[in-house]
PDB file of all heavy atoms in Angstrom:
ATOM      1  N   GLY A   1      11.164  -2.991  32.585  1.00  0.00           N
ATOM      2  CA  GLY A   1      11.436  -3.666  33.836  1.00  0.00           C
ATOM      3  C   GLY A   1      12.713  -4.455  33.850  1.00  0.00           C
ATOM      4  O   GLY A   1      13.311  -4.682  34.918  1.00  0.00           O
ATOM      5  N   LYS A   2      13.171  -4.884  32.665  1.00  0.00           N
ATOM      6  CA  LYS A   2      14.420  -5.625  32.544  1.00  0.00           C
ATOM      7  C   LYS A   2      15.632  -4.679  32.403  1.00  0.00           C
ATOM      8  O   LYS A   2      16.773  -5.140  32.292  1.00  0.00           O
ATOM      9  CB  LYS A   2      14.367  -6.539  31.315  1.00  0.00           C
ATOM     10  CG  LYS A   2      13.605  -7.808  31.553  1.00  0.00           C
ATOM     11  CD  LYS A   2      14.394  -8.793  32.392  1.00  0.00           C
ATOM     12  CE  LYS A   2      13.704 -10.157  32.443  1.00  0.00           C
ATOM     13  NZ  LYS A   2      14.544 -11.176  33.134  1.00  0.00           N
ATOM     14  N   GLY A   3      15.372  -3.377  32.417  1.00  0.00           N
ATOM     15  CA  GLY A   3      16.472  -2.417  32.346  1.00  0.00           C
ATOM     16  C   GLY A   3      16.663  -1.759  31.002  1.00  0.00           C
ATOM     17  O   GLY A   3      17.591  -0.973  30.838  1.00  0.00           O
ATOM     18  N   LEU A   4      15.790  -2.041  30.016  1.00  0.00           N
ATOM     19  CA  LEU A   4      15.873  -1.388  28.714  1.00  0.00           C
ATOM     20  C   LEU A   4      15.296   0.015  28.829  1.00  0.00           C
ATOM     21  O   LEU A   4      14.381   0.265  29.622  1.00  0.00           O
ATOM     22  CB  LEU A   4      15.099  -2.174  27.679  1.00  0.00           C
ATOM     23  CG  LEU A   4      15.572  -3.589  27.345  1.00  0.00           C
ATOM     24  CD1 LEU A   4      14.668  -4.224  26.303  1.00  0.00           C
ATOM     25  CD2 LEU A   4      17.013  -3.632  26.895  1.00  0.00           C
ATOM     26  N   SER A   5      15.797   0.918  27.993  1.00  0.00           N
ATOM     27  CA  SER A   5      15.184   2.228  27.912  1.00  0.00           C
ATOM     28  C   SER A   5      13.962   2.166  26.982  1.00  0.00           C
ATOM     29  O   SER A   5      13.760   1.149  26.285  1.00  0.00           O
ATOM     30  CB  SER A   5      16.206   3.245  27.359  1.00  0.00           C
ATOM     31  OG  SER A   5      16.473   2.951  25.990  1.00  0.00           O
ATOM     32  N   VAL A   6      13.176   3.230  26.989  1.00  0.00           N
ATOM     33  CA  VAL A   6      12.027   3.257  26.063  1.00  0.00           C
ATOM     34  C   VAL A   6      12.477   3.117  24.638  1.00  0.00           C
ATOM     35  O   VAL A   6      11.871   2.380  23.853  1.00  0.00           O
ATOM     36  CB  VAL A   6      11.268   4.594  26.254  1.00  0.00           C
ATOM     37  CG1 VAL A   6      10.160   4.728  25.231  1.00  0.00           C
ATOM     38  CG2 VAL A   6      10.668   4.690  27.669  1.00  0.00           C
ATOM     39  N   LEU A   7      13.559   3.800  24.287  1.00  0.00           N
ATOM     40  CA  LEU A   7      14.068   3.730  22.913  1.00  0.00           C
ATOM     41  C   LEU A   7      14.552   2.315  22.582  1.00  0.00           C
ATOM     42  O   LEU A   7      14.280   1.800  21.493  1.00  0.00           O
ATOM     43  CB  LEU A   7      15.191   4.728  22.713  1.00  0.00           C
ATOM     44  CG  LEU A   7      15.842   4.750  21.340  1.00  0.00           C
ATOM     45  CD1 LEU A   7      14.795   5.118  20.258  1.00  0.00           C
ATOM     46  CD2 LEU A   7      16.988   5.770  21.277  1.00  0.00           C
ATOM     47  N   GLU A   8      15.241   1.701  23.507  1.00  0.00           N
ATOM     48  CA  GLU A   8      15.753   0.343  23.266  1.00  0.00           C
ATOM     49  C   GLU A   8      14.633  -0.688  23.095  1.00  0.00           C
ATOM     50  O   GLU A   8      14.729  -1.546  22.218  1.00  0.00           O
ATOM     51  CB  GLU A   8      16.709  -0.081  24.406  1.00  0.00           C
ATOM     52  CG  GLU A   8      18.030   0.650  24.396  1.00  0.00           C
ATOM     53  CD  GLU A   8      18.820   0.439  25.691  1.00  0.00           C
ATOM     54  OE1 GLU A   8      18.222   0.057  26.703  1.00  0.00           O
ATOM     55  OE2 GLU A   8      20.053   0.650  25.675  1.00  0.00           O
ATOM     56  N   ALA A   9      13.644  -0.581  23.918  1.00  0.00           N
ATOM     57  CA  ALA A   9      12.504  -1.506  23.819  1.00  0.00           C
ATOM     58  C   ALA A   9      11.790  -1.311  22.470  1.00  0.00           C
ATOM     59  O   ALA A   9      11.447  -2.294  21.765  1.00  0.00           O
ATOM     60  CB  ALA A   9      11.516  -1.329  24.960  1.00  0.00           C
ATOM     61  N   GLY A  10      11.609  -0.035  22.103  1.00  0.00           N
ATOM     62  CA  GLY A  10      10.966   0.238  20.798  1.00  0.00           C
ATOM     63  C   GLY A  10      11.804  -0.222  19.639  1.00  0.00           C
ATOM     64  O   GLY A  10      11.279  -0.787  18.667  1.00  0.00           O
ATOM     65  N   LEU A  11      13.113  -0.032  19.699  1.00  0.00           N
ATOM     66  CA  LEU A  11      13.994  -0.437  18.619  1.00  0.00           C
ATOM     67  C   LEU A  11      14.016  -1.961  18.458  1.00  0.00           C
ATOM     68  O   LEU A  11      14.149  -2.488  17.358  1.00  0.00           O
ATOM     69  CB  LEU A  11      15.424   0.059  18.862  1.00  0.00           C
ATOM     70  CG  LEU A  11      15.696   1.544  18.522  1.00  0.00           C
ATOM     71  CD1 LEU A  11      17.107   1.928  18.891  1.00  0.00           C
ATOM     72  CD2 LEU A  11      15.437   1.769  17.014  1.00  0.00           C
ATOM     73  N   MET A  12      13.865  -2.696  19.559  1.00  0.00           N
ATOM     74  CA  MET A  12      13.810  -4.149  19.456  1.00  0.00           C
ATOM     75  C   MET A  12      12.613  -4.576  18.640  1.00  0.00           C
ATOM     76  O   MET A  12      12.691  -5.477  17.780  1.00  0.00           O
ATOM     77  CB  MET A  12      13.764  -4.815  20.826  1.00  0.00           C
ATOM     78  CG  MET A  12      13.801  -6.346  20.745  1.00  0.00           C
ATOM     79  SD  MET A  12      13.714  -7.199  22.337  1.00  0.00           S
ATOM     80  CE  MET A  12      15.364  -6.926  22.922  1.00  0.00           C
ATOM     81  N   SER A  13      11.462  -3.911  18.856  1.00  0.00           N
ATOM     82  CA  SER A  13      10.278  -4.241  18.082  1.00  0.00           C
ATOM     83  C   SER A  13      10.425  -3.860  16.611  1.00  0.00           C
ATOM     84  O   SER A  13       9.872  -4.497  15.707  1.00  0.00           O
ATOM     85  CB  SER A  13       9.028  -3.585  18.654  1.00  0.00           C
ATOM     86  OG  SER A  13       8.595  -4.278  19.800  1.00  0.00           O
ATOM     87  N   ILE A  14      11.179  -2.792  16.337  1.00  0.00           N
ATOM     88  CA  ILE A  14      11.406  -2.355  14.957  1.00  0.00           C
ATOM     89  C   ILE A  14      12.383  -3.275  14.244  1.00  0.00           C
ATOM     90  O   ILE A  14      12.127  -3.736  13.118  1.00  0.00           O
ATOM     91  CB  ILE A  14      11.940  -0.893  14.894  1.00  0.00           C
ATOM     92  CG1 ILE A  14      10.898   0.059  15.404  1.00  0.00           C
ATOM     93  CG2 ILE A  14      12.385  -0.530  13.486  1.00  0.00           C
ATOM     94  CD1 ILE A  14      11.371   1.515  15.572  1.00  0.00           C
ATOM     95  N   LEU A  15      13.504  -3.606  14.897  1.00  0.00           N
ATOM     96  CA  LEU A  15      14.549  -4.365  14.259  1.00  0.00           C
ATOM     97  C   LEU A  15      14.309  -5.871  14.253  1.00  0.00           C
ATOM     98  O   LEU A  15      14.664  -6.563  13.299  1.00  0.00           O
ATOM     99  CB  LEU A  15      15.896  -4.057  14.932  1.00  0.00           C
ATOM    100  CG  LEU A  15      16.319  -2.564  14.870  1.00  0.00           C
ATOM    101  CD1 LEU A  15      17.609  -2.375  15.644  1.00  0.00           C
ATOM    102  CD2 LEU A  15      16.512  -2.128  13.420  1.00  0.00           C
ATOM    103  N   VAL A  16      13.719  -6.371  15.328  1.00  0.00           N
ATOM    104  CA  VAL A  16      13.471  -7.805  15.421  1.00  0.00           C
ATOM    105  C   VAL A  16      12.078  -8.154  14.887  1.00  0.00           C
ATOM    106  O   VAL A  16      11.890  -9.056  14.086  1.00  0.00           O
ATOM    107  CB  VAL A  16      13.619  -8.285  16.878  1.00  0.00           C
ATOM    108  CG1 VAL A  16      13.349  -9.783  16.971  1.00  0.00           C
ATOM    109  CG2 VAL A  16      15.021  -7.973  17.416  1.00  0.00           C
ATOM    110  N   PHE A  17      11.077  -7.422  15.362  1.00  0.00           N
ATOM    111  CA  PHE A  17       9.681  -7.601  14.961  1.00  0.00           C
ATOM    112  C   PHE A  17       9.284  -9.070  14.946  1.00  0.00           C
ATOM    113  O   PHE A  17       8.902  -9.642  13.944  1.00  0.00           O
ATOM    114  CB  PHE A  17       9.421  -6.977  13.591  1.00  0.00           C
ATOM    115  CG  PHE A  17       7.963  -7.026  13.204  1.00  0.00           C
ATOM    116  CD1 PHE A  17       6.997  -6.533  14.073  1.00  0.00           C
ATOM    117  CD2 PHE A  17       7.562  -7.551  11.997  1.00  0.00           C
ATOM    118  CE1 PHE A  17       5.634  -6.558  13.728  1.00  0.00           C
ATOM    119  CE2 PHE A  17       6.236  -7.602  11.626  1.00  0.00           C
ATOM    120  CZ  PHE A  17       5.283  -7.128  12.511  1.00  0.00           C
ATOM    121  N   ALA A  18       9.423  -9.722  16.110  1.00  0.00           N
ATOM    122  CA  ALA A  18       9.052 -11.123  16.277  1.00  0.00           C
ATOM    123  C   ALA A  18       8.658 -11.321  17.724  1.00  0.00           C
ATOM    124  O   ALA A  18       9.544 -11.469  18.580  1.00  0.00           O
ATOM    125  CB  ALA A  18      10.202 -12.064  15.883  1.00  0.00           C
ATOM    126  N   GLY A  19       7.343 -11.228  17.987  1.00  0.00           N
ATOM    127  CA  GLY A  19       6.881 -11.225  19.377  1.00  0.00           C
ATOM    128  C   GLY A  19       7.399 -12.384  20.207  1.00  0.00           C
ATOM    129  O   GLY A  19       7.899 -12.201  21.328  1.00  0.00           O
ATOM    130  N   GLY A  20       7.303 -13.607  19.703  1.00  0.00           N
ATOM    131  CA  GLY A  20       7.727 -14.778  20.456  1.00  0.00           C
ATOM    132  C   GLY A  20       9.216 -14.712  20.774  1.00  0.00           C
ATOM    133  O   GLY A  20       9.636 -14.959  21.934  1.00  0.00           O
ATOM    134  N   ALA A  21      10.026 -14.347  19.811  1.00  0.00           N
ATOM    135  CA  ALA A  21      11.492 -14.261  20.008  1.00  0.00           C
ATOM    136  C   ALA A  21      11.801 -13.119  20.997  1.00  0.00           C
ATOM    137  O   ALA A  21      12.735 -13.222  21.804  1.00  0.00           O
ATOM    138  CB  ALA A  21      12.173 -14.025  18.692  1.00  0.00           C
ATOM    139  N   GLN A  22      11.063 -12.029  20.916  1.00  0.00           N
ATOM    140  CA  GLN A  22      11.333 -10.899  21.813  1.00  0.00           C
ATOM    141  C   GLN A  22      11.006 -11.241  23.247  1.00  0.00           C
ATOM    142  O   GLN A  22      11.770 -10.911  24.168  1.00  0.00           O
ATOM    143  CB  GLN A  22      10.520  -9.671  21.354  1.00  0.00           C
ATOM    144  CG  GLN A  22      11.011  -9.074  20.057  1.00  0.00           C
ATOM    145  CD  GLN A  22      10.162  -7.905  19.608  1.00  0.00           C
ATOM    146  OE1 GLN A  22       9.754  -7.869  18.445  1.00  0.00           O
ATOM    147  NE2 GLN A  22       9.909  -6.937  20.484  1.00  0.00           N
ATOM    148  N   PHE A  23       9.906 -11.953  23.479  1.00  0.00           N
ATOM    149  CA  PHE A  23       9.573 -12.347  24.869  1.00  0.00           C
ATOM    150  C   PHE A  23      10.601 -13.378  25.352  1.00  0.00           C
ATOM    151  O   PHE A  23      10.970 -13.360  26.564  1.00  0.00           O
ATOM    152  CB  PHE A  23       8.157 -12.936  24.919  1.00  0.00           C
ATOM    153  CG  PHE A  23       7.075 -11.881  25.039  1.00  0.00           C
ATOM    154  CD1 PHE A  23       6.354 -11.513  23.935  1.00  0.00           C
ATOM    155  CD2 PHE A  23       6.846 -11.294  26.252  1.00  0.00           C
ATOM    156  CE1 PHE A  23       5.357 -10.559  24.044  1.00  0.00           C
ATOM    157  CE2 PHE A  23       5.822 -10.295  26.375  1.00  0.00           C
ATOM    158  CZ  PHE A  23       5.100  -9.947  25.273  1.00  0.00           C
ATOM    159  N   ALA A  24      11.059 -14.279  24.479  1.00  0.00           N
ATOM    160  CA  ALA A  24      12.071 -15.255  24.891  1.00  0.00           C
ATOM    161  C   ALA A  24      13.349 -14.541  25.252  1.00  0.00           C
ATOM    162  O   ALA A  24      14.059 -14.922  26.220  1.00  0.00           O
ATOM    163  CB  ALA A  24      12.308 -16.243  23.747  1.00  0.00           C
ATOM    164  N   ALA A  25      13.702 -13.488  24.504  1.00  0.00           N
ATOM    165  CA  ALA A  25      14.921 -12.721  24.804  1.00  0.00           C
ATOM    166  C   ALA A  25      14.836 -12.065  26.178  1.00  0.00           C
ATOM    167  O   ALA A  25      15.824 -12.053  26.934  1.00  0.00           O
ATOM    168  CB  ALA A  25      15.144 -11.648  23.724  1.00  0.00           C
ATOM    169  N   LEU A  26      13.660 -11.556  26.517  1.00  0.00           N
ATOM    170  CA  LEU A  26      13.485 -10.945  27.834  1.00  0.00           C
ATOM    171  C   LEU A  26      13.663 -11.976  28.918  1.00  0.00           C
ATOM    172  O   LEU A  26      14.199 -11.667  30.015  1.00  0.00           O
ATOM    173  CB  LEU A  26      12.104 -10.273  27.969  1.00  0.00           C
ATOM    174  CG  LEU A  26      11.915  -8.963  27.188  1.00  0.00           C
ATOM    175  CD1 LEU A  26      10.542  -8.379  27.502  1.00  0.00           C
ATOM    176  CD2 LEU A  26      12.989  -7.966  27.528  1.00  0.00           C
ATOM    177  N   GLU A  27      13.172 -13.204  28.693  1.00  0.00           N
ATOM    178  CA  GLU A  27      13.323 -14.265  29.709  1.00  0.00           C
ATOM    179  C   GLU A  27      14.789 -14.584  29.960  1.00  0.00           C
ATOM    180  O   GLU A  27      15.160 -14.939  31.092  1.00  0.00           O
ATOM    181  CB  GLU A  27      12.578 -15.538  29.242  1.00  0.00           C
ATOM    182  CG  GLU A  27      11.076 -15.435  29.264  1.00  0.00           C
ATOM    183  CD  GLU A  27      10.557 -15.319  30.691  1.00  0.00           C
ATOM    184  OE1 GLU A  27      11.093 -15.986  31.585  1.00  0.00           O
ATOM    185  OE2 GLU A  27       9.593 -14.578  30.885  1.00  0.00           O
ATOM    186  N   LEU A  28      15.593 -14.470  28.915  1.00  0.00           N
ATOM    187  CA  LEU A  28      17.044 -14.810  29.036  1.00  0.00           C
ATOM    188  C   LEU A  28      17.886 -13.603  29.388  1.00  0.00           C
ATOM    189  O   LEU A  28      19.115 -13.729  29.578  1.00  0.00           O
ATOM    190  CB  LEU A  28      17.526 -15.399  27.696  1.00  0.00           C
ATOM    191  CG  LEU A  28      16.896 -16.716  27.239  1.00  0.00           C
ATOM    192  CD1 LEU A  28      17.346 -17.070  25.847  1.00  0.00           C
ATOM    193  CD2 LEU A  28      17.268 -17.844  28.203  1.00  0.00           C
ATOM    194  N   TRP A  29      17.301 -12.403  29.451  1.00  0.00           N
ATOM    195  CA  TRP A  29      18.018 -11.152  29.551  1.00  0.00           C
ATOM    196  C   TRP A  29      18.660 -11.012  30.962  1.00  0.00           C
ATOM    197  O   TRP A  29      17.966 -10.880  31.947  1.00  0.00           O
ATOM    198  CB  TRP A  29      17.121  -9.974  29.294  1.00  0.00           C
ATOM    199  CG  TRP A  29      17.895  -8.730  28.944  1.00  0.00           C
ATOM    200  CD1 TRP A  29      18.362  -7.796  29.802  1.00  0.00           C
ATOM    201  CD2 TRP A  29      18.230  -8.298  27.620  1.00  0.00           C
ATOM    202  NE1 TRP A  29      19.003  -6.782  29.104  1.00  0.00           N
ATOM    203  CE2 TRP A  29      18.914  -7.065  27.771  1.00  0.00           C
ATOM    204  CE3 TRP A  29      18.057  -8.833  26.339  1.00  0.00           C
ATOM    205  CZ2 TRP A  29      19.419  -6.384  26.701  1.00  0.00           C
ATOM    206  CZ3 TRP A  29      18.542  -8.107  25.268  1.00  0.00           C
ATOM    207  CH2 TRP A  29      19.225  -6.898  25.436  1.00  0.00           C
ATOM    208  N   THR A  30      19.982 -11.068  30.976  1.00  0.00           N
ATOM    209  CA  THR A  30      20.708 -10.828  32.206  1.00  0.00           C
ATOM    210  C   THR A  30      21.923  -9.955  31.847  1.00  0.00           C
ATOM    211  O   THR A  30      22.155  -9.638  30.667  1.00  0.00           O
ATOM    212  CB  THR A  30      21.189 -12.114  32.858  1.00  0.00           C
ATOM    213  OG1 THR A  30      21.978 -12.867  31.889  1.00  0.00           O
ATOM    214  CG2 THR A  30      20.050 -13.000  33.308  1.00  0.00           C
ATOM    215  N   TYR A  31      22.705  -9.596  32.840  1.00  0.00           N
ATOM    216  CA  TYR A  31      23.928  -8.823  32.591  1.00  0.00           C
ATOM    217  C   TYR A  31      25.118  -9.612  33.103  1.00  0.00           C
ATOM    218  O   TYR A  31      25.106 -10.022  34.282  1.00  0.00           O
ATOM    219  CB  TYR A  31      23.836  -7.438  33.225  1.00  0.00           C
ATOM    220  CG  TYR A  31      22.822  -6.568  32.593  1.00  0.00           C
ATOM    221  CD1 TYR A  31      21.518  -6.491  33.096  1.00  0.00           C
ATOM    222  CD2 TYR A  31      23.124  -5.806  31.481  1.00  0.00           C
ATOM    223  CE1 TYR A  31      20.551  -5.667  32.502  1.00  0.00           C
ATOM    224  CE2 TYR A  31      22.169  -4.963  30.872  1.00  0.00           C
ATOM    225  CZ  TYR A  31      20.907  -4.942  31.391  1.00  0.00           C
ATOM    226  OH  TYR A  31      19.951  -4.123  30.789  1.00  0.00           O
ATOM    227  N   PRO A  32      26.149  -9.889  32.286  1.00  0.00           N
ATOM    228  CA  PRO A  32      26.245  -9.514  30.892  1.00  0.00           C
ATOM    229  C   PRO A  32      25.255 -10.285  30.005  1.00  0.00           C
ATOM    230  O   PRO A  32      24.850 -11.406  30.344  1.00  0.00           O
ATOM    231  CB  PRO A  32      27.717  -9.886  30.508  1.00  0.00           C
ATOM    232  CG  PRO A  32      28.034 -10.991  31.457  1.00  0.00           C
ATOM    233  CD  PRO A  32      27.336 -10.658  32.747  1.00  0.00           C
ATOM    234  N   VAL A  33      24.876  -9.675  28.883  1.00  0.00           N
ATOM    235  CA  VAL A  33      23.871 -10.270  28.030  1.00  0.00           C
ATOM    236  C   VAL A  33      24.402 -11.529  27.356  1.00  0.00           C
ATOM    237  O   VAL A  33      25.468 -11.516  26.749  1.00  0.00           O
ATOM    238  CB  VAL A  33      23.423  -9.271  26.946  1.00  0.00           C
ATOM    239  CG1 VAL A  33      22.397  -9.884  26.021  1.00  0.00           C
ATOM    240  CG2 VAL A  33      22.875  -7.980  27.584  1.00  0.00           C
ATOM    241  N   PRO A  34      23.689 -12.692  27.470  1.00  0.00           N
ATOM    242  CA  PRO A  34      24.126 -13.948  26.830  1.00  0.00           C
ATOM    243  C   PRO A  34      23.851 -13.931  25.334  1.00  0.00           C
ATOM    244  O   PRO A  34      22.831 -14.456  24.870  1.00  0.00           O
ATOM    245  CB  PRO A  34      23.318 -15.006  27.597  1.00  0.00           C
ATOM    246  CG  PRO A  34      22.056 -14.302  27.952  1.00  0.00           C
ATOM    247  CD  PRO A  34      22.442 -12.861  28.222  1.00  0.00           C
ATOM    248  N   ILE A  35      24.731 -13.338  24.579  1.00  0.00           N
ATOM    249  CA  ILE A  35      24.518 -13.110  23.134  1.00  0.00           C
ATOM    250  C   ILE A  35      24.246 -14.434  22.407  1.00  0.00           C
ATOM    251  O   ILE A  35      23.298 -14.530  21.613  1.00  0.00           O
ATOM    252  CB  ILE A  35      25.721 -12.396  22.504  1.00  0.00           C
ATOM    253  CG1 ILE A  35      25.908 -11.015  23.168  1.00  0.00           C
ATOM    254  CG2 ILE A  35      25.512 -12.232  21.010  1.00  0.00           C
ATOM    255  CD1 ILE A  35      24.763 -10.075  22.992  1.00  0.00           C
ATOM    256  N   LEU A  36      25.067 -15.451  22.634  1.00  0.00           N
ATOM    257  CA  LEU A  36      24.919 -16.713  21.925  1.00  0.00           C
ATOM    258  C   LEU A  36      23.569 -17.377  22.239  1.00  0.00           C
ATOM    259  O   LEU A  36      22.916 -17.893  21.343  1.00  0.00           O
ATOM    260  CB  LEU A  36      26.066 -17.649  22.228  1.00  0.00           C
ATOM    261  CG  LEU A  36      27.456 -17.254  21.688  1.00  0.00           C
ATOM    262  CD1 LEU A  36      28.513 -18.249  22.116  1.00  0.00           C
ATOM    263  CD2 LEU A  36      27.393 -17.125  20.161  1.00  0.00           C
ATOM    264  N   ALA A  37      23.197 -17.366  23.472  1.00  0.00           N
ATOM    265  CA  ALA A  37      21.914 -17.953  23.896  1.00  0.00           C
ATOM    266  C   ALA A  37      20.738 -17.205  23.250  1.00  0.00           C
ATOM    267  O   ALA A  37      19.773 -17.825  22.783  1.00  0.00           O
ATOM    268  CB  ALA A  37      21.780 -17.976  25.407  1.00  0.00           C
ATOM    269  N   LEU A  38      20.834 -15.876  23.232  1.00  0.00           N
ATOM    270  CA  LEU A  38      19.785 -15.094  22.607  1.00  0.00           C
ATOM    271  C   LEU A  38      19.699 -15.343  21.113  1.00  0.00           C
ATOM    272  O   LEU A  38      18.609 -15.501  20.561  1.00  0.00           O
ATOM    273  CB  LEU A  38      20.041 -13.607  22.856  1.00  0.00           C
ATOM    274  CG  LEU A  38      19.797 -13.076  24.298  1.00  0.00           C
ATOM    275  CD1 LEU A  38      20.258 -11.627  24.364  1.00  0.00           C
ATOM    276  CD2 LEU A  38      18.358 -13.187  24.655  1.00  0.00           C
ATOM    277  N   ALA A  39      20.830 -15.424  20.458  1.00  0.00           N
ATOM    278  CA  ALA A  39      20.854 -15.671  19.015  1.00  0.00           C
ATOM    279  C   ALA A  39      20.263 -17.049  18.672  1.00  0.00           C
ATOM    280  O   ALA A  39      19.514 -17.223  17.732  1.00  0.00           O
ATOM    281  CB  ALA A  39      22.276 -15.544  18.463  1.00  0.00           C
ATOM    282  N   PHE A  40      20.647 -18.055  19.467  1.00  0.00           N
ATOM    283  CA  PHE A  40      20.174 -19.410  19.204  1.00  0.00           C
ATOM    284  C   PHE A  40      18.697 -19.535  19.449  1.00  0.00           C
ATOM    285  O   PHE A  40      17.980 -20.156  18.615  1.00  0.00           O
ATOM    286  CB  PHE A  40      20.913 -20.401  20.060  1.00  0.00           C
ATOM    287  CG  PHE A  40      20.472 -21.801  19.887  1.00  0.00           C
ATOM    288  CD1 PHE A  40      20.744 -22.504  18.736  1.00  0.00           C
ATOM    289  CD2 PHE A  40      19.751 -22.456  20.902  1.00  0.00           C
ATOM    290  CE1 PHE A  40      20.349 -23.812  18.545  1.00  0.00           C
ATOM    291  CE2 PHE A  40      19.325 -23.738  20.734  1.00  0.00           C
ATOM    292  CZ  PHE A  40      19.621 -24.421  19.548  1.00  0.00           C
ATOM    293  N   SER A  41      18.208 -18.947  20.524  1.00  0.00           N
ATOM    294  CA  SER A  41      16.774 -19.063  20.803  1.00  0.00           C
ATOM    295  C   SER A  41      15.955 -18.326  19.745  1.00  0.00           C
ATOM    296  O   SER A  41      14.888 -18.791  19.356  1.00  0.00           O
ATOM    297  CB  SER A  41      16.457 -18.467  22.205  1.00  0.00           C
ATOM    298  OG  SER A  41      16.743 -17.086  22.264  1.00  0.00           O
ATOM    299  N   THR A  42      16.459 -17.174  19.263  1.00  0.00           N
ATOM    300  CA  THR A  42      15.772 -16.445  18.216  1.00  0.00           C
ATOM    301  C   THR A  42      15.714 -17.259  16.933  1.00  0.00           C
ATOM    302  O   THR A  42      14.699 -17.336  16.271  1.00  0.00           O
ATOM    303  CB  THR A  42      16.485 -15.100  17.945  1.00  0.00           C
ATOM    304  OG1 THR A  42      16.447 -14.304  19.149  1.00  0.00           O
ATOM    305  CG2 THR A  42      15.763 -14.316  16.859  1.00  0.00           C
TER     306      THR A  42
END
């Protein structure tokens, strides 16, 4: 729903594997992606 592909959503769970951080990332997900905010929240 945030614009990720099936592969991208799956890869996030493989590479990050942290449910709380992943949901927080979706809350912050906009375009352009706020990389620093995502990294800090994670």
